[in-house]
Structures are given as C-alpha cells and as structure tokens.
C-alpha cells in the first residue's frame, strides 16, 4: 500500500523545516514554505534548501562568537597613520 498523502514543507522562526500534511494548516509557530508533494519529494526539497540544520539562533550566536574571537581589525601604526600631538600645556 502506497502513501497517497500530499505533504507541504513548513518552516518555523528558527528556520527549521518539517513536513506537514497539505490538507491541514500547520501548527502554531510554523508557516507554509511553498513546496508540496510526496513525502520523498518534500524530503529531497528539504535536503536541498536546508543544508545547515542548526537553529537560526545558534548559528547567529556562533557567528557572533567567531567575530569576537577574531578581535578588532589591526591598527595601522605607520608614521603616516599616527596623528601628530596637538595638546598645548
């Protein structure tokens, strides 16, 4: 017996993807992504469009940590980059 259910791909605010029967509205917190078809077709679509399965908030935190770990941009200490002192005392 084959599964004749038509599925739709749904996405939440964390950019996580799931399959949901197309005949019903997705649960709260999920929105229809726009692709529908057989379970196999939907799974193949999800594999193409969602290569990094980590939640969006985690990806953002890791990116911020990486930016902070790399530190500030190097400072140009050549003579032309150092302003002359203008303090009168």
N, C-alpha and C. Protein backbone atom coordinates (compact mmCIF):
# COMPACT_ATOMS: atom_id res chain seq x y z
N UNK A 1 0.85 -1.18 0.00
CA UNK A 1 0.00 0.00 0.00
C UNK A 1 0.89 1.24 0.00
N UNK A 2 0.67 2.13 -0.95
CA UNK A 2 1.50 3.34 -1.02
C UNK A 2 0.80 4.49 -0.30
N UNK A 3 1.60 5.41 0.17
CA UNK A 3 1.09 6.58 0.89
C UNK A 3 0.72 7.65 -0.14
N UNK A 4 -0.58 7.95 -0.28
CA UNK A 4 -1.03 8.94 -1.25
C UNK A 4 -1.13 10.34 -0.63
N UNK A 5 -0.65 10.49 0.61
CA UNK A 5 -0.73 11.78 1.28
C UNK A 5 0.15 12.80 0.57
N UNK A 6 -0.40 13.98 0.36
CA UNK A 6 0.38 15.09 -0.17
C UNK A 6 0.87 15.90 1.02
N UNK A 7 2.17 16.15 1.05
CA UNK A 7 2.78 16.90 2.15
C UNK A 7 3.16 18.30 1.68
N UNK A 8 3.32 19.18 2.64
CA UNK A 8 3.86 20.51 2.38
C UNK A 8 5.05 20.72 3.31
N UNK A 9 5.99 21.54 2.87
CA UNK A 9 7.13 21.87 3.70
C UNK A 9 6.76 23.10 4.52
N UNK A 10 6.97 23.00 5.83
CA UNK A 10 6.69 24.12 6.72
C UNK A 10 7.99 24.53 7.42
N UNK A 11 8.05 25.80 7.83
CA UNK A 11 9.26 26.38 8.42
C UNK A 11 8.85 27.18 9.65
N UNK A 12 9.71 27.16 10.68
CA UNK A 12 9.44 27.97 11.86
C UNK A 12 10.39 29.17 11.91
N UNK A 13 10.31 29.97 12.95
CA UNK A 13 11.14 31.17 13.06
C UNK A 13 12.62 30.86 13.24
N UNK A 14 12.95 29.65 13.61
CA UNK A 14 14.35 29.22 13.74
C UNK A 14 14.87 28.64 12.43
N UNK A 15 14.08 28.76 11.36
CA UNK A 15 14.40 28.25 10.02
C UNK A 15 14.54 26.73 10.01
N UNK A 16 13.85 26.06 10.93
CA UNK A 16 13.81 24.61 10.92
C UNK A 16 12.68 24.19 9.98
N UNK A 17 12.89 23.13 9.24
CA UNK A 17 11.93 22.65 8.25
C UNK A 17 11.29 21.35 8.73
N UNK A 18 10.06 21.15 8.30
CA UNK A 18 9.34 19.92 8.62
C UNK A 18 8.33 19.64 7.52
N UNK A 19 7.82 18.41 7.50
CA UNK A 19 6.75 18.04 6.57
C UNK A 19 5.45 18.02 7.34
N UNK A 20 4.40 18.49 6.66
CA UNK A 20 3.08 18.53 7.29
C UNK A 20 2.06 18.16 6.22
N UNK A 21 1.03 17.40 6.55
CA UNK A 21 0.02 17.08 5.54
C UNK A 21 -0.56 18.35 4.92
N UNK A 22 -0.63 18.38 3.61
CA UNK A 22 -1.08 19.58 2.90
C UNK A 22 -2.55 19.89 3.14
N UNK A 23 -3.32 18.90 3.54
CA UNK A 23 -4.76 19.10 3.74
C UNK A 23 -5.08 19.84 5.05
N UNK A 24 -4.06 20.03 5.90
CA UNK A 24 -4.29 20.70 7.18
C UNK A 24 -3.35 21.89 7.34
N UNK A 25 -3.80 22.85 8.11
CA UNK A 25 -2.97 24.03 8.39
C UNK A 25 -1.80 23.61 9.30
N UNK A 26 -0.66 24.25 9.13
CA UNK A 26 0.46 23.92 10.01
C UNK A 26 0.18 24.35 11.45
N UNK A 27 0.88 23.75 12.40
CA UNK A 27 0.67 24.12 13.80
C UNK A 27 1.17 25.54 14.08
N UNK A 28 0.77 26.08 15.21
CA UNK A 28 1.18 27.42 15.61
C UNK A 28 2.71 27.51 15.61
N UNK A 29 3.22 28.61 15.09
CA UNK A 29 4.66 28.82 15.05
C UNK A 29 5.31 28.33 13.77
N UNK A 30 4.54 27.72 12.90
CA UNK A 30 5.06 27.20 11.63
C UNK A 30 4.31 27.87 10.49
N UNK A 31 4.99 28.10 9.38
CA UNK A 31 4.37 28.68 8.19
C UNK A 31 4.67 27.80 6.98
N UNK A 32 3.78 27.83 6.01
CA UNK A 32 3.96 27.05 4.78
C UNK A 32 5.10 27.68 3.99
N UNK A 33 6.05 26.85 3.58
CA UNK A 33 7.22 27.31 2.83
C UNK A 33 6.92 27.46 1.34
N UNK A 34 5.99 26.66 0.85
CA UNK A 34 5.60 26.78 -0.55
C UNK A 34 5.78 25.53 -1.38
N UNK A 35 6.53 24.56 -0.91
CA UNK A 35 6.74 23.33 -1.67
C UNK A 35 5.81 22.26 -1.12
N UNK A 36 5.21 21.50 -2.03
CA UNK A 36 4.42 20.35 -1.61
C UNK A 36 4.55 19.23 -2.62
N UNK A 37 4.28 18.02 -2.15
CA UNK A 37 4.39 16.84 -3.00
C UNK A 37 4.38 15.60 -2.14
N UNK A 38 4.94 14.54 -2.68
CA UNK A 38 5.04 13.30 -1.92
C UNK A 38 6.04 13.48 -0.79
N UNK A 39 6.02 12.53 0.13
CA UNK A 39 6.98 12.59 1.24
C UNK A 39 8.42 12.60 0.70
N UNK A 40 8.69 11.76 -0.27
CA UNK A 40 10.03 11.67 -0.84
C UNK A 40 10.44 12.98 -1.52
N UNK A 41 9.51 13.58 -2.29
CA UNK A 41 9.82 14.84 -2.97
C UNK A 41 10.05 15.97 -1.96
N UNK A 42 9.24 16.00 -0.93
CA UNK A 42 9.41 17.04 0.10
C UNK A 42 10.72 16.86 0.85
N UNK A 43 11.07 15.62 1.17
CA UNK A 43 12.33 15.37 1.86
C UNK A 43 13.52 15.77 0.98
N UNK A 44 13.45 15.49 -0.31
CA UNK A 44 14.52 15.88 -1.23
C UNK A 44 14.63 17.41 -1.29
N UNK A 45 13.50 18.09 -1.29
CA UNK A 45 13.49 19.56 -1.30
C UNK A 45 14.13 20.10 -0.02
N UNK A 46 13.74 19.55 1.12
CA UNK A 46 14.31 20.00 2.40
C UNK A 46 15.82 19.76 2.41
N UNK A 47 16.27 18.64 1.91
CA UNK A 47 17.71 18.37 1.85
C UNK A 47 18.45 19.41 1.02
N UNK A 48 17.81 19.91 -0.04
CA UNK A 48 18.44 20.93 -0.90
C UNK A 48 18.46 22.30 -0.24
N UNK A 49 17.37 22.69 0.40
CA UNK A 49 17.24 24.07 0.88
C UNK A 49 17.66 24.27 2.33
N UNK A 50 17.93 23.20 3.06
CA UNK A 50 18.25 23.32 4.49
C UNK A 50 19.51 22.52 4.81
N UNK A 51 20.66 22.97 4.29
CA UNK A 51 21.89 22.19 4.47
C UNK A 51 22.44 22.26 5.90
N UNK A 52 22.19 23.36 6.62
CA UNK A 52 22.69 23.51 7.99
C UNK A 52 21.50 23.42 8.93
N UNK A 53 21.35 22.28 9.59
CA UNK A 53 20.14 22.04 10.37
C UNK A 53 20.16 22.67 11.76
N UNK A 54 21.23 23.41 12.08
CA UNK A 54 21.24 24.07 13.39
C UNK A 54 20.21 25.20 13.40
N UNK A 55 19.56 25.43 14.54
CA UNK A 55 18.59 26.52 14.63
C UNK A 55 19.25 27.87 14.33
N UNK A 56 18.49 28.80 13.78
CA UNK A 56 18.99 30.12 13.41
C UNK A 56 19.65 30.83 14.58
N UNK A 57 19.05 30.77 15.77
CA UNK A 57 19.62 31.46 16.92
C UNK A 57 21.00 30.91 17.27
N UNK A 58 21.21 29.62 17.14
CA UNK A 58 22.52 29.03 17.41
C UNK A 58 23.53 29.48 16.36
N UNK A 59 23.14 29.46 15.09
CA UNK A 59 24.05 29.90 14.03
C UNK A 59 24.47 31.35 14.25
N UNK A 60 23.53 32.19 14.65
CA UNK A 60 23.86 33.60 14.93
C UNK A 60 24.82 33.73 16.10
N UNK A 61 24.55 33.00 17.19
CA UNK A 61 25.44 33.05 18.37
C UNK A 61 26.85 32.61 18.01
N UNK A 62 26.97 31.53 17.26
CA UNK A 62 28.28 31.04 16.87
C UNK A 62 29.00 32.03 15.97
N UNK A 63 28.25 32.68 15.07
CA UNK A 63 28.87 33.69 14.20
C UNK A 63 29.36 34.88 15.01
N UNK A 64 28.57 35.31 15.99
CA UNK A 64 28.98 36.42 16.85
C UNK A 64 30.21 36.05 17.66
N UNK A 65 30.25 34.85 18.18
CA UNK A 65 31.41 34.39 18.95
C UNK A 65 32.66 34.36 18.08
N UNK A 66 32.51 33.91 16.85
CA UNK A 66 33.64 33.86 15.93
C UNK A 66 34.14 35.27 15.62
N UNK A 67 33.20 36.21 15.44
CA UNK A 67 33.59 37.60 15.17
C UNK A 67 34.34 38.19 16.35
N UNK A 68 33.87 37.91 17.57
CA UNK A 68 34.52 38.44 18.77
C UNK A 68 35.87 37.78 18.98
N UNK A 69 35.99 36.51 18.67
CA UNK A 69 37.25 35.79 18.87
C UNK A 69 38.32 36.28 17.91
N UNK A 70 37.90 36.74 16.74
CA UNK A 70 38.90 37.22 15.78
C UNK A 70 39.45 38.58 16.19
N UNK A 71 38.77 39.25 17.12
CA UNK A 71 39.27 40.51 17.65
C UNK A 71 39.08 41.67 16.70
N UNK A 72 39.51 42.85 17.15
CA UNK A 72 39.36 44.03 16.30
C UNK A 72 40.32 43.99 15.12
N UNK A 73 40.02 44.80 14.15
CA UNK A 73 40.87 44.89 12.97
C UNK A 73 42.23 45.44 13.38
N UNK A 74 43.31 45.01 12.72
CA UNK A 74 44.63 45.50 13.05
C UNK A 74 44.72 47.02 12.86
N UNK A 75 45.51 47.65 13.71
CA UNK A 75 45.68 49.10 13.65
C UNK A 75 46.93 49.42 12.86
N UNK A 76 46.82 50.37 11.96
CA UNK A 76 47.97 50.82 11.16
C UNK A 76 48.83 51.72 12.04
N UNK A 77 50.04 51.28 12.33
CA UNK A 77 50.93 52.06 13.21
C UNK A 77 52.04 52.75 12.43
N UNK A 78 51.91 52.81 11.13
CA UNK A 78 52.94 53.51 10.35
C UNK A 78 52.90 54.99 10.68
N UNK A 79 53.99 55.68 10.40
CA UNK A 79 54.11 57.10 10.75
C UNK A 79 53.00 57.93 10.14
N UNK A 80 52.56 57.59 8.96
CA UNK A 80 51.51 58.37 8.30
C UNK A 80 50.15 58.20 8.98
N UNK A 81 49.99 57.07 9.70
CA UNK A 81 48.69 56.82 10.33
C UNK A 81 48.62 57.38 11.73
N UNK A 82 49.76 57.79 12.32
CA UNK A 82 49.77 58.30 13.69
C UNK A 82 49.61 59.81 13.64
N UNK A 83 48.56 60.36 14.24
CA UNK A 83 48.39 61.82 14.21
C UNK A 83 49.43 62.50 15.08
N UNK A 84 49.79 63.70 14.68
CA UNK A 84 50.75 64.45 15.49
C UNK A 84 50.03 65.00 16.71
N UNK A 85 50.75 65.13 17.83
CA UNK A 85 50.11 65.65 19.03
C UNK A 85 49.73 67.10 18.86
N UNK A 86 48.56 67.46 19.35
CA UNK A 86 48.08 68.85 19.26
C UNK A 86 47.70 69.38 20.63
N UNK A 87 48.31 68.84 21.67
CA UNK A 87 47.97 69.27 23.02
C UNK A 87 48.94 70.37 23.45
N UNK A 88 48.42 71.52 23.84
CA UNK A 88 49.22 72.60 24.41
C UNK A 88 49.04 72.60 25.90
N UNK A 89 50.17 72.71 26.59
CA UNK A 89 50.09 72.78 28.05
C UNK A 89 50.89 73.93 28.54
